[in-house]
Amino acid sequence: MGGDEGYVPDGAVYRNPRLFYRSYLEMEKILKVYVYPDGDHPIAHDGPCKDIYSIEGRFLHEIEHGRGRFMTNDPSLAHVYFLPFSIAWMVKYLYTPLSYDHSPLRQFVSDYVRVISTKYPFWNRTHGADHFTSCLLVMIGLVHFPSL
């Protein structure tokens, strides 16, 4: 891809491949992500860079310390907001193995959302719809983000 205006993606998944690709190129030019500075190591702003969960650690590192093409330090310019915590480190430091008690994980995420929603206006504008994290807590049902 890389800016090739003549490229057209292929496959049944695309309703309008040309429009999709033009939209993708535009998104690469303008997308801005704000990373919340709140949270302490090791759970926030860090992640494992070895072993099975290394993709999460690499993502956290790249989004905060990489080339910064999509990063903005001005949250009012952001299109999306990143919650920089690591599920791997949450499990390592907050979860008791074989307890099947997910409440410490839920509590951490709830507390984090409470902090940012109190400190910044961005969560409250959309109830978190424009916020994301590198983990699948919501998808696997461990955490339900409250409407604050």
Protein backbone atom coordinates (compact mmCIF):
# COMPACT_ATOMS: atom_id res chain seq x y z
CA MET A 1 0.00 0.00 0.00
CA GLY A 2 2.18 2.86 1.29
CA GLY A 3 0.44 5.70 -0.55
CA ASP A 4 0.10 3.94 -3.91
CA GLU A 5 -2.95 5.75 -5.32
CA GLY A 6 -3.42 3.05 -7.98
CA TYR A 7 -3.67 0.25 -5.43
CA VAL A 8 -7.11 -1.29 -4.93
CA PRO A 9 -7.63 -3.86 -2.15
CA ASP A 10 -9.16 -7.12 -3.24
CA GLY A 11 -11.69 -9.35 -1.55
CA ALA A 12 -15.37 -9.82 -0.83
CA VAL A 13 -15.01 -8.03 2.52
CA TYR A 14 -14.91 -4.63 0.77
CA ARG A 15 -18.17 -3.08 -0.42
CA ASN A 16 -16.31 -0.38 -2.29
CA PRO A 17 -12.59 -1.19 -2.39
CA ARG A 18 -11.52 2.09 -3.99
CA LEU A 19 -13.44 4.20 -1.48
CA PHE A 20 -12.16 2.10 1.40
CA TYR A 21 -8.56 2.57 0.32
CA ARG A 22 -8.94 6.33 -0.25
CA SER A 23 -10.47 6.60 3.21
CA TYR A 24 -7.62 4.54 4.66
CA LEU A 25 -4.99 6.82 3.08
CA GLU A 26 -6.76 9.89 4.46
CA MET A 27 -6.94 8.31 7.91
CA GLU A 28 -3.18 7.70 7.83
CA LYS A 29 -2.66 11.41 7.14
CA ILE A 30 -4.91 12.85 9.85
CA LEU A 31 -5.50 10.29 12.65
CA LYS A 32 -4.37 11.54 16.05
CA VAL A 33 -4.23 9.46 19.24
CA TYR A 34 -3.90 10.89 22.72
CA VAL A 35 -2.31 8.64 25.34
CA TYR A 36 -3.42 9.42 28.87
CA PRO A 37 -0.36 10.17 31.02
CA ASP A 38 -2.05 8.85 34.16
CA GLY A 39 -1.14 5.54 35.76
CA ASP A 40 2.01 4.11 37.25
CA HIS A 41 4.49 1.45 36.18
CA PRO A 42 4.41 -1.44 35.94
CA ILE A 43 0.71 -1.76 35.07
CA ALA A 44 0.36 1.42 33.04
CA HIS A 45 2.72 2.64 30.32
CA ASP A 46 4.55 -0.68 30.20
CA GLY A 47 4.00 -4.21 29.02
CA PRO A 48 5.84 -7.45 28.42
CA CYS A 49 8.11 -7.43 25.37
CA LYS A 50 8.99 -11.13 25.49
CA ASP A 51 6.96 -14.33 25.56
CA ILE A 52 3.38 -14.90 24.41
CA TYR A 53 2.10 -11.43 25.39
CA SER A 54 4.87 -9.48 23.67
CA ILE A 55 2.48 -7.98 21.10
CA GLU A 56 0.80 -6.03 23.89
CA GLY A 57 4.12 -4.76 25.24
CA ARG A 58 5.35 -3.81 21.77
CA PHE A 59 2.11 -1.98 21.04
CA LEU A 60 2.29 -0.03 24.31
CA HIS A 61 5.93 0.83 23.64
CA GLU A 62 5.37 1.86 20.02
CA ILE A 63 2.33 4.00 20.70
CA GLU A 64 4.14 5.91 23.45
CA HIS A 65 7.77 5.85 22.31
CA GLY A 66 7.71 5.04 18.60
CA ARG A 67 7.91 7.45 15.68
CA GLY A 68 4.85 9.25 16.97
CA ARG A 69 3.18 9.74 13.61
CA PHE A 70 -0.26 9.29 15.13
CA MET A 71 0.45 10.67 18.62
CA THR A 72 -0.62 14.06 19.85
CA ASN A 73 0.19 15.69 23.16
CA ASP A 74 -2.86 17.91 22.77
CA PRO A 75 -5.97 15.89 23.71
CA SER A 76 -8.27 18.42 22.03
CA LEU A 77 -6.75 17.40 18.66
CA ALA A 78 -7.24 13.66 19.20
CA HIS A 79 -9.70 11.50 17.31
CA VAL A 80 -9.27 8.60 19.75
CA TYR A 81 -7.89 8.19 23.27
CA PHE A 82 -5.68 5.37 24.48
CA LEU A 83 -5.90 3.83 27.95
CA PRO A 84 -2.30 2.67 28.44
CA PHE A 85 -2.54 -0.29 30.77
CA SER A 86 -1.35 -3.84 30.26
CA ILE A 87 -3.67 -6.79 30.85
CA ALA A 88 -0.62 -9.05 31.15
CA TRP A 89 0.79 -6.94 33.98
CA MET A 90 -2.64 -6.58 35.57
CA VAL A 91 -2.88 -10.36 35.73
CA LYS A 92 0.69 -10.69 36.99
CA TYR A 93 0.39 -8.07 39.75
CA LEU A 94 -3.33 -8.03 40.65
CA TYR A 95 -4.72 -11.50 39.98
CA THR A 96 -4.33 -14.41 42.41
CA PRO A 97 -3.63 -17.52 40.32
CA LEU A 98 -6.43 -20.10 40.26
CA SER A 99 -8.68 -17.86 42.35
CA TYR A 100 -10.95 -17.11 39.38
CA ASP A 101 -11.58 -13.77 41.10
CA HIS A 102 -11.53 -11.09 38.43
CA SER A 103 -12.65 -8.33 40.77
CA PRO A 104 -9.13 -6.82 41.19
CA LEU A 105 -8.92 -6.44 37.40
CA ARG A 106 -12.38 -4.89 37.24
CA GLN A 107 -11.52 -2.57 40.11
CA PHE A 108 -8.30 -1.38 38.47
CA VAL A 109 -10.04 -0.53 35.20
CA SER A 110 -12.99 1.11 36.99
CA ASP A 111 -10.60 3.20 39.09
CA TYR A 112 -8.60 4.22 36.01
CA VAL A 113 -11.73 5.27 34.14
CA ARG A 114 -12.98 7.14 37.21
CA VAL A 115 -9.68 9.08 37.39
CA ILE A 116 -9.60 10.08 33.73
CA SER A 117 -13.31 10.86 33.55
CA THR A 118 -12.97 13.16 36.55
CA LYS A 119 -9.74 14.78 35.42
CA TYR A 120 -10.45 15.15 31.68
CA PRO A 121 -13.67 15.89 29.71
CA PHE A 122 -13.01 13.43 26.87
CA TRP A 123 -14.43 10.21 28.36
CA ASN A 124 -17.65 11.95 29.31
CA ARG A 125 -18.32 13.38 25.84
CA THR A 126 -18.82 9.92 24.35
CA HIS A 127 -19.03 7.66 27.43
CA GLY A 128 -15.74 6.16 26.26
CA ALA A 129 -16.84 5.27 22.72
CA ASP A 130 -13.69 6.91 21.29
CA HIS A 131 -11.36 5.28 23.83
CA PHE A 132 -9.42 2.05 23.38
CA THR A 133 -6.87 -0.15 25.08
CA SER A 134 -4.51 -2.84 23.89
CA CYS A 135 -6.37 -5.64 25.66
CA LEU A 136 -9.65 -7.49 25.24
CA LEU A 137 -11.10 -7.00 28.72
CA VAL A 138 -14.45 -5.76 27.47
CA MET A 139 -14.74 -8.36 24.74
CA ILE A 140 -14.13 -11.25 27.13
CA GLY A 141 -16.53 -9.82 29.67
CA LEU A 142 -14.13 -9.10 32.52
CA VAL A 143 -14.90 -5.41 32.61
CA HIS A 144 -17.98 -3.36 31.92
CA PHE A 145 -17.17 0.31 31.49
CA PRO A 146 -19.74 2.28 33.47
CA SER A 147 -21.50 5.33 32.11
CA LEU A 148 -20.01 7.88 34.43
